């Protein structure tokens, strides 16, 4: 394994960990604010939209081999 492969693997693992932690933060925010099911869905949609865009960008990058 060369440095570029290690760097790519570490980046993907690190980003997955950060996205997972952000999802936990959104869930905790909804739980502490006593948001109902609709409020929790709005939180995940609104705050998770940026993460979704980042994930889609990565998928498109792999799909189109850029």
Protein backbone atom coordinates (compact mmCIF):
# COMPACT_ATOMS: atom_id res chain seq x y z
CA UNK A 1 0.00 0.00 0.00
CA UNK A 2 1.49 3.31 -1.02
CA UNK A 3 0.88 6.69 0.57
CA UNK A 4 -1.87 7.77 -1.85
CA UNK A 5 -3.91 4.63 -1.21
CA UNK A 6 -3.49 5.03 2.56
CA UNK A 7 -4.46 8.69 2.34
CA UNK A 8 -7.63 7.90 0.35
CA UNK A 9 -8.62 5.11 2.76
CA UNK A 10 -7.96 7.27 5.83
CA UNK A 11 -9.98 10.12 4.31
CA UNK A 12 -12.99 7.89 3.67
CA UNK A 13 -12.86 6.38 7.16
CA UNK A 14 -12.42 9.81 8.76
CA UNK A 15 -15.28 11.34 6.79
CA UNK A 16 -17.56 8.43 7.65
CA UNK A 17 -16.73 8.90 11.33
CA UNK A 18 -17.38 12.66 11.18
CA UNK A 19 -20.69 12.18 9.34
CA UNK A 20 -21.75 9.55 11.88
CA UNK A 21 -20.85 11.89 14.74
CA UNK A 22 -22.81 14.73 13.12
CA UNK A 23 -25.85 12.43 12.81
CA UNK A 24 -25.51 11.66 16.52
CA UNK A 25 -25.35 15.39 17.29
CA UNK A 26 -28.52 16.03 15.25
CA UNK A 27 -30.30 13.18 17.03
CA UNK A 28 -29.16 14.46 20.44
CA UNK A 29 -30.27 17.98 19.56
CA UNK A 30 -33.73 16.71 18.68
CA UNK A 31 -33.96 14.58 21.79
CA UNK A 32 -32.90 17.40 24.14
CA UNK A 33 -35.33 19.85 22.54
CA UNK A 34 -38.20 17.34 22.87
CA UNK A 35 -38.87 17.43 19.15
CA UNK A 36 -41.55 15.05 18.00
CA UNK A 37 -41.33 12.73 15.04
CA UNK A 38 -41.99 15.52 12.56
CA UNK A 39 -39.52 17.86 14.26
CA UNK A 40 -36.84 15.17 14.26
CA UNK A 41 -37.46 14.52 10.56
CA UNK A 42 -37.15 18.23 9.80
CA UNK A 43 -33.90 18.41 11.78
CA UNK A 44 -32.39 15.45 9.96
CA UNK A 45 -33.57 16.76 6.58
CA UNK A 46 -32.41 20.35 7.06
CA UNK A 47 -29.12 19.68 8.83
CA UNK A 48 -28.34 16.48 6.96
CA UNK A 49 -28.84 18.02 3.52
CA UNK A 50 -25.30 19.39 3.45
CA UNK A 51 -23.85 16.00 4.31
CA UNK A 52 -26.01 14.39 1.64
CA UNK A 53 -24.66 16.80 -0.96
CA UNK A 54 -21.10 15.94 0.05
CA UNK A 55 -21.85 12.21 -0.23
CA UNK A 56 -23.50 12.64 -3.63
CA UNK A 57 -20.47 14.60 -4.83
CA UNK A 58 -18.21 11.72 -3.81
CA UNK A 59 -20.40 9.14 -5.52
CA UNK A 60 -20.53 11.16 -8.73
CA UNK A 61 -16.77 11.58 -8.60
CA UNK A 62 -16.31 7.80 -8.43
CA UNK A 63 -19.05 7.12 -10.97
CA UNK A 64 -17.65 9.48 -13.60
CA UNK A 65 -14.04 8.61 -12.67
CA UNK A 66 -12.95 12.23 -12.26
